[in-house]
Amino acid sequence: YHRWSFGEEDLPDWFAEEEKKFYVKQMPVTKEEVEQYKKRLKDLSARPVAKVAEAKARKQKKALKRLQALRKQAESVTDSSGASGVEKASQLRSIYKKIQLKPKEKVKYVVSKKKQAGSQKPGRPAGVKGRYKLVDRRLKKDKRGEKKRNSKPGKKGKHRK
């Protein structure tokens, strides 16, 4: 039995029942209904994803908490009578510097040397400041070559025999 069989007499009962139930001609849909469905789908897809909204709310809450803590610090500095005006100003400047957002550091990819390759905890490479990631020279070259090979027209993938 297949889905295109129709009007045959000697069919099993279950097949005839299911055919009666599911083999129904679809009713025509007007353009207005189609537009209405499209509009509803557009509205649904325009909504922000719940997880994203939660993450943004958490971030905002954290920033607000930090701001309130710094504001308290600033108030305590202004209320203190021991420091002079210049010292208070410099302290306030240092407090407000903390509020400013710092741009995220980019990860520097450092090709590992022999002494770093096999060790469990390789030390920080000389002359590298900030975040870094040790990468394998051979792997780096292989990836570069594969990308180049895949960009060329013709056969794709590895060409080994």
N, C-alpha and C. Protein backbone atom coordinates (compact mmCIF):
# COMPACT_ATOMS: atom_id res chain seq x y z
N TYR A 1 0.84 -1.20 0.00
CA TYR A 1 0.00 0.00 0.00
C TYR A 1 0.88 1.24 0.00
N HIS A 2 0.49 2.23 -0.73
CA HIS A 2 1.22 3.49 -0.71
C HIS A 2 0.23 4.65 -0.77
N ARG A 3 0.72 5.85 -0.63
CA ARG A 3 -0.16 7.00 -0.46
C ARG A 3 -0.89 7.40 -1.74
N TRP A 4 -0.47 6.91 -2.87
CA TRP A 4 -1.17 7.27 -4.11
C TRP A 4 -2.24 6.26 -4.53
N SER A 5 -2.33 5.17 -3.76
CA SER A 5 -3.36 4.19 -4.11
C SER A 5 -4.72 4.76 -3.69
N PHE A 6 -5.69 4.71 -4.58
CA PHE A 6 -6.98 5.30 -4.30
C PHE A 6 -8.07 4.53 -5.05
N GLY A 7 -9.18 4.31 -4.35
CA GLY A 7 -10.33 3.66 -4.99
C GLY A 7 -10.18 2.17 -5.17
N GLU A 8 -9.32 1.52 -4.42
CA GLU A 8 -9.19 0.07 -4.53
C GLU A 8 -10.16 -0.59 -3.55
N GLU A 9 -10.71 -1.75 -3.94
CA GLU A 9 -11.76 -2.39 -3.13
C GLU A 9 -11.20 -3.21 -1.98
N ASP A 10 -10.31 -4.14 -2.28
CA ASP A 10 -9.88 -5.09 -1.25
C ASP A 10 -8.76 -4.51 -0.39
N LEU A 11 -9.13 -3.51 0.43
CA LEU A 11 -8.18 -2.88 1.34
C LEU A 11 -8.48 -3.32 2.77
N PRO A 12 -7.47 -3.36 3.62
CA PRO A 12 -7.73 -3.72 5.02
C PRO A 12 -8.60 -2.64 5.69
N ASP A 13 -9.31 -3.05 6.74
CA ASP A 13 -10.22 -2.11 7.43
C ASP A 13 -9.48 -0.91 7.99
N TRP A 14 -8.31 -1.14 8.62
CA TRP A 14 -7.57 -0.04 9.23
C TRP A 14 -7.17 0.99 8.20
N PHE A 15 -6.86 0.49 6.98
CA PHE A 15 -6.44 1.42 5.93
C PHE A 15 -7.61 2.27 5.47
N ALA A 16 -8.77 1.63 5.32
CA ALA A 16 -9.96 2.36 4.88
C ALA A 16 -10.38 3.41 5.91
N GLU A 17 -10.29 3.05 7.20
CA GLU A 17 -10.63 4.00 8.27
C GLU A 17 -9.69 5.21 8.27
N GLU A 18 -8.40 4.92 8.15
CA GLU A 18 -7.42 6.02 8.13
C GLU A 18 -7.59 6.89 6.90
N GLU A 19 -7.93 6.27 5.78
CA GLU A 19 -8.13 7.04 4.55
C GLU A 19 -9.32 7.98 4.71
N LYS A 20 -10.40 7.48 5.34
CA LYS A 20 -11.57 8.31 5.59
C LYS A 20 -11.22 9.49 6.51
N LYS A 21 -10.35 9.18 7.48
CA LYS A 21 -10.00 10.18 8.48
C LYS A 21 -9.04 11.25 7.94
N PHE A 22 -8.02 10.82 7.19
CA PHE A 22 -6.96 11.74 6.80
C PHE A 22 -6.99 12.19 5.34
N TYR A 23 -7.62 11.41 4.46
CA TYR A 23 -7.61 11.77 3.06
C TYR A 23 -8.75 12.76 2.79
N VAL A 24 -8.52 14.01 3.19
CA VAL A 24 -9.55 15.04 3.07
C VAL A 24 -9.01 16.14 2.18
N LYS A 25 -9.84 16.64 1.31
CA LYS A 25 -9.42 17.71 0.41
C LYS A 25 -9.21 18.98 1.23
N GLN A 26 -8.08 19.67 0.98
CA GLN A 26 -7.80 20.89 1.71
C GLN A 26 -8.67 22.02 1.19
N MET A 27 -9.20 22.78 2.13
CA MET A 27 -10.06 23.90 1.77
C MET A 27 -9.20 25.06 1.27
N PRO A 28 -9.72 25.83 0.30
CA PRO A 28 -8.93 26.95 -0.21
C PRO A 28 -8.76 28.03 0.87
N VAL A 29 -7.59 28.67 0.86
CA VAL A 29 -7.27 29.71 1.83
C VAL A 29 -7.20 31.05 1.10
N THR A 30 -7.83 32.06 1.69
CA THR A 30 -7.83 33.37 1.05
C THR A 30 -6.51 34.09 1.29
N LYS A 31 -6.26 35.13 0.47
CA LYS A 31 -5.02 35.89 0.60
C LYS A 31 -4.95 36.62 1.94
N GLU A 32 -6.12 37.07 2.40
CA GLU A 32 -6.16 37.79 3.69
C GLU A 32 -5.72 36.88 4.84
N GLU A 33 -6.19 35.62 4.81
CA GLU A 33 -5.81 34.67 5.85
C GLU A 33 -4.32 34.39 5.81
N VAL A 34 -3.78 34.26 4.60
CA VAL A 34 -2.35 34.01 4.44
C VAL A 34 -1.56 35.19 5.02
N GLU A 35 -1.99 36.41 4.69
CA GLU A 35 -1.32 37.61 5.21
C GLU A 35 -1.39 37.67 6.74
N GLN A 36 -2.57 37.27 7.26
CA GLN A 36 -2.76 37.27 8.71
C GLN A 36 -1.79 36.29 9.38
N TYR A 37 -1.65 35.09 8.80
CA TYR A 37 -0.72 34.10 9.34
C TYR A 37 0.72 34.61 9.28
N LYS A 38 1.06 35.22 8.14
CA LYS A 38 2.42 35.75 7.97
C LYS A 38 2.71 36.83 9.00
N LYS A 39 1.73 37.69 9.22
CA LYS A 39 1.89 38.78 10.19
C LYS A 39 2.10 38.21 11.59
N ARG A 40 1.32 37.19 11.93
CA ARG A 40 1.44 36.58 13.25
C ARG A 40 2.81 35.92 13.44
N LEU A 41 3.29 35.25 12.38
CA LEU A 41 4.61 34.62 12.45
C LEU A 41 5.70 35.67 12.59
N LYS A 42 5.54 36.79 11.86
CA LYS A 42 6.51 37.87 11.93
C LYS A 42 6.57 38.45 13.34
N ASP A 43 5.39 38.62 13.95
CA ASP A 43 5.32 39.12 15.32
C ASP A 43 6.02 38.18 16.29
N LEU A 44 5.81 36.88 16.08
CA LEU A 44 6.43 35.89 16.95
C LEU A 44 7.95 35.88 16.80
N SER A 45 8.42 35.98 15.56
CA SER A 45 9.87 35.93 15.34
C SER A 45 10.55 37.22 15.75
N ALA A 46 9.79 38.32 15.85
CA ALA A 46 10.38 39.60 16.25
C ALA A 46 10.63 39.66 17.75
N ARG A 47 9.94 38.84 18.50
CA ARG A 47 10.12 38.82 19.95
C ARG A 47 11.52 38.35 20.32
N PRO A 48 12.12 38.92 21.34
CA PRO A 48 13.44 38.45 21.74
C PRO A 48 13.34 37.07 22.41
N VAL A 49 14.38 36.31 22.24
CA VAL A 49 14.41 34.98 22.85
C VAL A 49 14.51 35.16 24.37
N ALA A 50 13.82 34.30 25.09
CA ALA A 50 13.73 34.44 26.55
C ALA A 50 15.11 34.40 27.21
N LYS A 51 15.97 33.50 26.75
CA LYS A 51 17.30 33.37 27.36
C LYS A 51 18.12 34.64 27.15
N VAL A 52 17.99 35.23 25.97
CA VAL A 52 18.73 36.46 25.67
C VAL A 52 18.24 37.58 26.56
N ALA A 53 16.91 37.66 26.70
CA ALA A 53 16.32 38.70 27.55
C ALA A 53 16.77 38.54 29.00
N GLU A 54 16.80 37.29 29.47
CA GLU A 54 17.24 37.02 30.84
C GLU A 54 18.70 37.43 31.04
N ALA A 55 19.53 37.10 30.06
CA ALA A 55 20.96 37.43 30.15
C ALA A 55 21.15 38.94 30.19
N LYS A 56 20.40 39.67 29.36
CA LYS A 56 20.50 41.13 29.35
C LYS A 56 20.06 41.70 30.69
N ALA A 57 18.99 41.13 31.26
CA ALA A 57 18.48 41.60 32.55
C ALA A 57 19.52 41.36 33.65
N ARG A 58 20.16 40.19 33.61
CA ARG A 58 21.20 39.87 34.60
C ARG A 58 22.36 40.86 34.50
N LYS A 59 22.76 41.13 33.26
CA LYS A 59 23.87 42.05 33.02
C LYS A 59 23.53 43.44 33.55
N GLN A 60 22.29 43.88 33.27
CA GLN A 60 21.84 45.19 33.71
C GLN A 60 21.82 45.27 35.25
N LYS A 61 21.31 44.19 35.86
CA LYS A 61 21.21 44.15 37.32
C LYS A 61 22.60 44.22 37.95
N LYS A 62 23.55 43.50 37.36
CA LYS A 62 24.92 43.48 37.85
C LYS A 62 25.54 44.88 37.74
N ALA A 63 25.31 45.54 36.59
CA ALA A 63 25.86 46.88 36.37
C ALA A 63 25.27 47.87 37.37
N LEU A 64 23.97 47.74 37.62
CA LEU A 64 23.29 48.63 38.56
C LEU A 64 23.85 48.45 39.98
N LYS A 65 24.09 47.20 40.35
CA LYS A 65 24.64 46.89 41.67
C LYS A 65 26.03 47.52 41.82
N ARG A 66 26.86 47.37 40.76
CA ARG A 66 28.21 47.92 40.76
C ARG A 66 28.16 49.45 40.86
N LEU A 67 27.23 50.05 40.13
CA LEU A 67 27.08 51.50 40.13
C LEU A 67 26.69 52.02 41.51
N GLN A 68 25.77 51.29 42.17
CA GLN A 68 25.35 51.70 43.51
C GLN A 68 26.51 51.60 44.51
N ALA A 69 27.32 50.57 44.38
CA ALA A 69 28.46 50.39 45.28
C ALA A 69 29.46 51.53 45.08
N LEU A 70 29.71 51.90 43.82
CA LEU A 70 30.64 52.98 43.54
C LEU A 70 30.08 54.32 44.00
N ARG A 71 28.77 54.48 43.89
CA ARG A 71 28.13 55.71 44.34
C ARG A 71 28.31 55.87 45.86
N LYS A 72 28.17 54.75 46.58
CA LYS A 72 28.38 54.78 48.04
C LYS A 72 29.82 55.20 48.36
N GLN A 73 30.75 54.63 47.58
CA GLN A 73 32.16 54.98 47.77
C GLN A 73 32.37 56.48 47.55
N ALA A 74 31.77 56.99 46.48
CA ALA A 74 31.91 58.41 46.15
C ALA A 74 31.33 59.28 47.26
N GLU A 75 30.19 58.88 47.80
CA GLU A 75 29.57 59.63 48.89
C GLU A 75 30.47 59.63 50.13
N SER A 76 31.06 58.48 50.43
CA SER A 76 31.94 58.40 51.60
C SER A 76 33.17 59.29 51.42
N VAL A 77 33.67 59.39 50.17
CA VAL A 77 34.82 60.25 49.90
C VAL A 77 34.45 61.71 50.09
N THR A 78 33.28 62.10 49.56
CA THR A 78 32.87 63.51 49.69
C THR A 78 32.54 63.88 51.13
N ASP A 79 32.04 62.93 51.90
CA ASP A 79 31.68 63.21 53.30
C ASP A 79 32.90 63.27 54.23
N SER A 80 33.99 62.61 53.82
CA SER A 80 35.16 62.58 54.70
C SER A 80 35.78 63.98 54.78
N SER A 81 36.14 64.38 55.99
CA SER A 81 36.67 65.73 56.20
C SER A 81 38.20 65.74 56.28
N GLY A 82 38.83 64.59 56.34
CA GLY A 82 40.28 64.49 56.50
C GLY A 82 41.06 64.89 55.25
N ALA A 83 40.51 64.62 54.06
CA ALA A 83 41.25 64.86 52.82
C ALA A 83 40.97 66.26 52.28
N SER A 84 41.95 66.78 51.53
CA SER A 84 41.76 68.11 50.91
C SER A 84 40.94 67.97 49.63
N GLY A 85 40.59 69.10 49.03
CA GLY A 85 39.75 69.10 47.83
C GLY A 85 40.41 68.40 46.65
N VAL A 86 41.71 68.60 46.50
CA VAL A 86 42.44 67.99 45.37
C VAL A 86 42.48 66.47 45.54
N GLU A 87 42.73 66.02 46.76
CA GLU A 87 42.78 64.57 47.02
C GLU A 87 41.42 63.93 46.78
N LYS A 88 40.37 64.61 47.24
CA LYS A 88 39.00 64.10 47.02
C LYS A 88 38.70 63.98 45.53
N ALA A 89 39.10 65.01 44.78
CA ALA A 89 38.85 65.00 43.33
C ALA A 89 39.56 63.84 42.65
N SER A 90 40.81 63.60 43.06
CA SER A 90 41.57 62.50 42.45
C SER A 90 40.95 61.15 42.82
N GLN A 91 40.48 61.01 44.06
CA GLN A 91 39.84 59.77 44.48
C GLN A 91 38.54 59.55 43.69
N LEU A 92 37.76 60.63 43.53
CA LEU A 92 36.51 60.51 42.77
C LEU A 92 36.78 60.13 41.32
N ARG A 93 37.85 60.73 40.76
CA ARG A 93 38.20 60.42 39.37
C ARG A 93 38.54 58.94 39.25
N SER A 94 39.28 58.39 40.21
CA SER A 94 39.65 56.97 40.16
C SER A 94 38.42 56.08 40.32
N ILE A 95 37.46 56.52 41.14
CA ILE A 95 36.23 55.74 41.32
C ILE A 95 35.42 55.73 40.03
N TYR A 96 35.27 56.88 39.38
CA TYR A 96 34.47 56.95 38.16
C TYR A 96 35.15 56.30 36.96
N LYS A 97 36.47 56.12 37.06
CA LYS A 97 37.18 55.40 35.99
C LYS A 97 36.74 53.94 35.98
N LYS A 98 36.45 53.41 37.17
CA LYS A 98 36.03 52.01 37.29
C LYS A 98 34.71 51.75 36.59
N ILE A 99 33.86 52.78 36.51
CA ILE A 99 32.54 52.62 35.90
C ILE A 99 32.64 52.40 34.39
N GLN A 100 33.61 53.08 33.76
CA GLN A 100 33.72 53.00 32.31
C GLN A 100 33.99 51.57 31.87
N LEU A 101 33.32 51.17 30.80
CA LEU A 101 33.49 49.81 30.28
C LEU A 101 34.80 49.70 29.52
N LYS A 102 35.48 48.61 29.76
CA LYS A 102 36.73 48.35 29.05
C LYS A 102 36.43 47.47 27.84
N PRO A 103 37.06 47.74 26.70
CA PRO A 103 36.83 46.86 25.55
C PRO A 103 37.42 45.48 25.81
N LYS A 104 36.77 44.46 25.25
CA LYS A 104 37.24 43.09 25.46
C LYS A 104 38.58 42.89 24.75
N GLU A 105 39.48 42.22 25.45
CA GLU A 105 40.78 41.94 24.84
C GLU A 105 40.64 40.81 23.83
N LYS A 106 41.34 40.94 22.71
CA LYS A 106 41.32 39.87 21.73
C LYS A 106 42.33 38.81 22.15
N VAL A 107 42.04 37.57 21.82
CA VAL A 107 42.93 36.47 22.16
C VAL A 107 44.06 36.44 21.14
N LYS A 108 45.30 36.40 21.64
CA LYS A 108 46.45 36.30 20.74
C LYS A 108 46.77 34.83 20.57
N TYR A 109 46.96 34.41 19.31
CA TYR A 109 47.31 33.02 19.04
C TYR A 109 48.83 32.94 18.94
N VAL A 110 49.41 32.13 19.82
CA VAL A 110 50.86 31.98 19.87
C VAL A 110 51.20 30.57 19.45
N VAL A 111 52.11 30.44 18.47
CA VAL A 111 52.53 29.12 18.02
C VAL A 111 53.43 28.54 19.09
N SER A 112 53.08 27.34 19.57
CA SER A 112 53.84 26.73 20.66
C SER A 112 55.20 26.23 20.18
N LYS A 113 56.18 26.32 21.06
CA LYS A 113 57.53 25.83 20.76
C LYS A 113 57.67 24.43 21.34
N LYS A 114 58.82 23.83 21.10
CA LYS A 114 59.04 22.44 21.53
C LYS A 114 58.87 22.27 23.04
N LYS A 115 59.41 23.21 23.80
CA LYS A 115 59.36 23.04 25.25
C LYS A 115 57.93 23.19 25.80
N GLN A 116 57.06 23.87 25.04
CA GLN A 116 55.68 24.06 25.49
C GLN A 116 54.75 22.97 24.99
N ALA A 117 55.18 22.26 23.97
CA ALA A 117 54.29 21.32 23.29
C ALA A 117 53.84 20.17 24.18
N GLY A 118 54.76 19.50 24.84
CA GLY A 118 54.39 18.30 25.58
C GLY A 118 54.05 18.54 27.04
N SER A 119 54.43 19.69 27.58
CA SER A 119 54.24 19.90 29.01
C SER A 119 52.79 20.13 29.38
N GLN A 120 52.44 19.72 30.58
CA GLN A 120 51.06 19.86 31.06
C GLN A 120 50.68 21.31 31.26
N LYS A 121 51.57 22.07 31.95
CA LYS A 121 51.30 23.48 32.22
C LYS A 121 52.41 24.33 31.62
N PRO A 122 52.27 24.68 30.35
CA PRO A 122 53.32 25.51 29.75
C PRO A 122 53.27 26.92 30.34
N GLY A 123 54.44 27.51 30.53
CA GLY A 123 54.50 28.86 31.08
C GLY A 123 54.08 29.89 30.05
N ARG A 124 53.92 31.11 30.49
CA ARG A 124 53.53 32.20 29.59
C ARG A 124 54.68 32.46 28.60
N PRO A 125 54.38 32.51 27.31
CA PRO A 125 55.43 32.79 26.32
C PRO A 125 56.02 34.19 26.52
N ALA A 126 57.28 34.34 26.18
CA ALA A 126 57.96 35.62 26.39
C ALA A 126 57.39 36.68 25.46
N GLY A 127 57.16 37.85 25.99
CA GLY A 127 56.69 38.99 25.19
C GLY A 127 55.21 38.99 24.87
N VAL A 128 54.44 38.13 25.53
CA VAL A 128 53.00 38.08 25.28
C VAL A 128 52.28 38.66 26.48
N LYS A 129 51.49 39.70 26.23
CA LYS A 129 50.71 40.31 27.31
C LYS A 129 49.24 40.03 27.04
N GLY A 130 48.45 39.93 28.11
CA GLY A 130 47.00 39.73 27.96
C GLY A 130 46.65 38.27 27.70
N ARG A 131 45.45 38.08 27.13
CA ARG A 131 44.97 36.72 26.88
C ARG A 131 45.68 36.12 25.69
N TYR A 132 45.99 34.83 25.79
CA TYR A 132 46.65 34.16 24.68
C TYR A 132 46.20 32.71 24.62
N LYS A 133 46.45 32.09 23.47
CA LYS A 133 46.13 30.68 23.31
C LYS A 133 47.25 30.03 22.52
N LEU A 134 47.76 28.91 23.04
CA LEU A 134 48.82 28.21 22.34
C LEU A 134 48.22 27.34 21.24
N VAL A 135 48.78 27.46 20.04
CA VAL A 135 48.31 26.65 18.92
C VAL A 135 49.48 25.90 18.30
N ASP A 136 49.14 24.85 17.61
CA ASP A 136 50.12 23.98 16.97
C ASP A 136 50.45 24.53 15.59
N ARG A 137 51.74 24.66 15.27
CA ARG A 137 52.15 25.21 13.98
C ARG A 137 51.64 24.37 12.82
N ARG A 138 51.77 23.07 12.95
CA ARG A 138 51.38 22.16 11.87
C ARG A 138 49.87 22.27 11.62
N LEU A 139 49.11 22.29 12.72
CA LEU A 139 47.65 22.38 12.61
C LEU A 139 47.25 23.69 11.95
N LYS A 140 47.93 24.77 12.31
CA LYS A 140 47.64 26.09 11.75
C LYS A 140 47.86 26.08 10.24
N LYS A 141 49.00 25.50 9.83
CA LYS A 141 49.31 25.43 8.40
C LYS A 141 48.32 24.53 7.66
N ASP A 142 47.97 23.41 8.28
CA ASP A 142 47.01 22.49 7.66
C ASP A 142 45.68 23.17 7.43
N LYS A 143 45.21 23.91 8.44
CA LYS A 143 43.91 24.59 8.31
C LYS A 143 43.96 25.63 7.21
N ARG A 144 45.06 26.39 7.16
CA ARG A 144 45.21 27.41 6.14
C ARG A 144 45.19 26.77 4.75
N GLY A 145 45.91 25.65 4.60
CA GLY A 145 45.97 24.95 3.32
C GLY A 145 44.61 24.39 2.92
N GLU A 146 43.89 23.84 3.89
CA GLU A 146 42.57 23.27 3.60
C GLU A 146 41.59 24.35 3.16
N LYS A 147 41.66 25.49 3.82
CA LYS A 147 40.78 26.61 3.45
C LYS A 147 41.07 27.05 2.02
N LYS A 148 42.36 27.11 1.68
CA LYS A 148 42.77 27.52 0.33
C LYS A 148 42.30 26.48 -0.70
N ARG A 149 42.45 25.20 -0.34
CA ARG A 149 42.06 24.13 -1.25
C ARG A 149 40.55 24.13 -1.49
N ASN A 150 39.77 24.38 -0.43
CA ASN A 150 38.32 24.39 -0.56
C ASN A 150 37.82 25.60 -1.33
N SER A 151 38.59 26.68 -1.34
CA SER A 151 38.15 27.88 -2.06
C SER A 151 38.36 27.74 -3.56
N LYS A 152 39.28 26.84 -3.97
CA LYS A 152 39.52 26.63 -5.40
C LYS A 152 38.36 25.86 -6.03
N PRO A 153 38.02 26.17 -7.30
CA PRO A 153 36.96 25.39 -7.96
C PRO A 153 37.46 23.99 -8.30
N GLY A 154 36.54 23.07 -8.41
CA GLY A 154 36.91 21.70 -8.74
C GLY A 154 36.67 20.76 -7.57
N LYS A 155 37.58 19.80 -7.40
CA LYS A 155 37.40 18.81 -6.34
C LYS A 155 37.57 19.44 -4.97
N LYS A 156 36.78 18.97 -4.02
CA LYS A 156 36.83 19.50 -2.65
C LYS A 156 37.41 18.44 -1.73
N GLY A 157 37.94 18.89 -0.60
CA GLY A 157 38.40 17.96 0.42
C GLY A 157 39.84 17.54 0.24
N LYS A 158 40.22 16.49 0.96
CA LYS A 158 41.60 16.04 0.93
C LYS A 158 41.87 15.20 -0.32
N HIS A 159 43.05 15.31 -0.86
CA HIS A 159 43.42 14.58 -2.07
C HIS A 159 44.55 13.61 -1.77
N ARG A 160 44.32 12.68 -0.89
CA ARG A 160 45.35 11.70 -0.56
C ARG A 160 44.96 10.35 -1.13
N LYS A 161 46.00 9.57 -1.46
CA LYS A 161 45.74 8.24 -2.01
C LYS A 161 46.10 7.17 -1.01
